């Protein structure tokens, strides 16, 4: 399924960068990368350029899950929408007949140990890191140290 989604050139997000390799010859080199899925263990991230693409990707995944009798929990799913001009109420998607709404503007989502938000910025990430550090400090402050 992952290979099927990644190989479909109509799915995913493509990024392209060009740079000048020789200032005298005015030559440009271009690099393109397209990514539709990232997976690690039981965590899967679907990447799409549009809601329609994401719905097609989810349809492929749901067919795979049904054929292989795989149960998924839609309540654990997160939808992060970036750079979209779609109205908020139209951004939701359906996963196993359950509506998944996009995360709120300043909501952070943890994925493989990394905090992600819909807008590029580090203010909320730094605040989250400080919160986690304070929580950890409060927990270990009450622990007794032993020399062993």
Protein backbone atom coordinates (compact mmCIF):
# COMPACT_ATOMS: atom_id res chain seq x y z
CA UNK A 1 0.00 0.00 0.00
CA UNK A 2 2.76 2.47 0.91
CA UNK A 3 4.57 1.75 -2.34
CA UNK A 4 1.32 2.05 -4.30
CA UNK A 5 0.64 5.50 -2.85
CA UNK A 6 4.23 6.73 -3.24
CA UNK A 7 4.51 5.52 -6.85
CA UNK A 8 1.31 7.31 -7.91
CA UNK A 9 2.66 10.57 -9.36
CA UNK A 10 -0.75 12.23 -8.96
CA UNK A 11 -0.48 11.93 -5.16
CA UNK A 12 1.76 13.69 -2.69
CA UNK A 13 3.51 17.00 -2.46
CA UNK A 14 6.29 18.07 -4.78
CA UNK A 15 8.93 20.60 -3.88
CA UNK A 16 11.45 22.01 -6.31
CA UNK A 17 14.54 24.13 -5.83
CA UNK A 18 16.85 25.62 -8.44
CA UNK A 19 20.27 27.15 -7.96
CA UNK A 20 23.00 28.60 -10.09
CA UNK A 21 25.95 26.21 -10.35
CA UNK A 22 28.31 28.52 -12.23
CA UNK A 23 28.11 32.29 -12.00
CA UNK A 24 29.82 32.77 -15.34
CA UNK A 25 27.75 30.32 -17.40
CA UNK A 26 24.38 31.22 -15.83
CA UNK A 27 23.58 27.50 -15.55
CA UNK A 28 20.86 26.36 -13.21
CA UNK A 29 20.58 23.01 -11.53
CA UNK A 30 17.13 21.89 -10.38
CA UNK A 31 16.22 19.30 -7.76
CA UNK A 32 12.67 17.95 -7.35
CA UNK A 33 11.33 15.73 -4.62
CA UNK A 34 7.82 14.33 -4.31
CA UNK A 35 6.60 12.67 -1.15
CA UNK A 36 3.20 11.08 -0.58
CA UNK A 37 3.74 8.94 2.51
CA UNK A 38 6.10 8.62 5.46
CA UNK A 39 5.86 5.61 7.76
CA UNK A 40 7.63 4.30 10.83
CA UNK A 41 6.39 1.24 12.73
CA UNK A 42 2.65 1.83 13.16
CA UNK A 43 2.76 5.60 12.48
CA UNK A 44 1.84 6.69 8.97
CA UNK A 45 1.77 10.21 7.59
CA UNK A 46 -0.14 10.90 4.38
CA UNK A 47 1.07 13.98 2.51
CA UNK A 48 -1.12 15.64 -0.11
CA UNK A 49 -1.28 18.87 -2.09
CA UNK A 50 -5.08 19.05 -1.91
CA UNK A 51 -8.06 17.68 -0.08
CA UNK A 52 -8.97 15.64 -3.18
CA UNK A 53 -5.51 14.02 -3.19
CA UNK A 54 -5.77 13.20 0.50
CA UNK A 55 -9.21 11.66 0.03
CA UNK A 56 -7.87 9.45 -2.79
CA UNK A 57 -4.94 8.39 -0.63
CA UNK A 58 -7.24 7.56 2.29
CA UNK A 59 -9.50 5.57 -0.05
CA UNK A 60 -6.51 3.45 -1.17
CA UNK A 61 -5.47 2.93 2.46
CA UNK A 62 -8.99 1.98 3.59
CA UNK A 63 -9.29 -0.59 0.78
CA UNK A 64 -5.96 -2.09 1.90
CA UNK A 65 -7.09 -2.15 5.55
CA UNK A 66 -10.37 -3.85 4.60
CA UNK A 67 -8.72 -6.50 2.38
CA UNK A 68 -6.18 -7.31 5.10
CA UNK A 69 -8.65 -7.08 8.02
CA UNK A 70 -6.66 -4.29 9.68
CA UNK A 71 -8.41 -2.21 12.32
CA UNK A 72 -7.45 1.44 12.64
CA UNK A 73 -8.49 3.95 15.26
CA UNK A 74 -9.58 7.20 13.57
CA UNK A 75 -9.68 9.00 16.93
CA UNK A 76 -5.87 8.83 17.01
CA UNK A 77 -5.62 10.55 13.63
CA UNK A 78 -4.55 14.17 13.29
CA UNK A 79 -5.14 16.42 10.30
CA UNK A 80 -2.67 19.24 9.84
CA UNK A 81 -3.61 21.68 7.07
CA UNK A 82 -0.96 24.10 5.85
CA UNK A 83 -1.23 26.99 3.39
CA UNK A 84 -4.87 26.38 2.54
CA UNK A 85 -7.44 28.89 1.37
CA UNK A 86 -10.32 26.46 1.98
CA UNK A 87 -12.87 27.50 4.62
CA UNK A 88 -12.34 25.81 7.99
CA UNK A 89 -15.59 23.83 7.90
CA UNK A 90 -14.62 22.37 4.49
CA UNK A 91 -11.19 21.13 5.61
CA UNK A 92 -12.47 18.07 7.46
CA UNK A 93 -11.96 14.58 6.03
CA UNK A 94 -13.67 11.25 6.60
CA UNK A 95 -11.76 8.27 7.96
CA UNK A 96 -13.80 5.12 8.56
CA UNK A 97 -16.95 7.26 8.38
CA UNK A 98 -15.68 9.47 11.20
CA UNK A 99 -15.01 13.16 10.65
CA UNK A 100 -11.45 14.29 11.30
CA UNK A 101 -11.10 18.05 11.75
CA UNK A 102 -7.88 19.99 11.26
CA UNK A 103 -5.81 20.93 14.27
CA UNK A 104 -6.31 24.44 15.59
CA UNK A 105 -3.96 27.20 14.46
CA UNK A 106 -1.62 27.08 17.47
CA UNK A 107 -2.06 23.40 18.33
CA UNK A 108 1.10 21.33 18.28
CA UNK A 109 1.07 17.72 17.14
CA UNK A 110 3.78 15.28 18.17
CA UNK A 111 5.03 12.98 15.43
CA UNK A 112 8.01 10.66 15.98
CA UNK A 113 9.31 12.88 18.77
CA UNK A 114 8.98 16.11 16.76
CA UNK A 115 6.45 18.83 17.47
CA UNK A 116 4.69 20.08 14.34
CA UNK A 117 2.23 22.90 13.82
CA UNK A 118 0.39 24.09 10.74
CA UNK A 119 2.38 27.32 10.51
CA UNK A 120 6.14 27.51 10.33
CA UNK A 121 7.33 29.13 13.53
CA UNK A 122 9.17 28.20 16.65
CA UNK A 123 7.38 30.20 19.35
CA UNK A 124 4.87 27.45 20.25
CA UNK A 125 7.52 24.73 19.93
CA UNK A 126 9.82 26.55 22.37
CA UNK A 127 6.90 27.06 24.76
CA UNK A 128 6.07 23.33 24.54
CA UNK A 129 9.71 22.39 25.18
CA UNK A 130 9.75 24.64 28.28
CA UNK A 131 6.50 23.06 29.50
CA UNK A 132 7.93 19.55 29.11
CA UNK A 133 11.17 20.58 30.85
CA UNK A 134 9.23 22.10 33.81
CA UNK A 135 7.10 18.96 34.10
CA UNK A 136 10.20 16.74 34.11
CA UNK A 137 11.95 19.00 36.66
CA UNK A 138 8.91 18.88 38.95
CA UNK A 139 8.80 15.09 38.76
CA UNK A 140 12.48 14.52 39.53
CA UNK A 141 12.55 17.23 42.23
CA UNK A 142 10.41 14.93 44.42
CA UNK A 143 12.55 11.84 43.83
CA UNK A 144 15.17 10.73 46.29
CA UNK A 145 18.70 10.30 45.01
CA UNK A 146 20.64 7.22 45.93
CA UNK A 147 24.29 6.38 45.46
CA UNK A 148 24.40 2.94 43.94
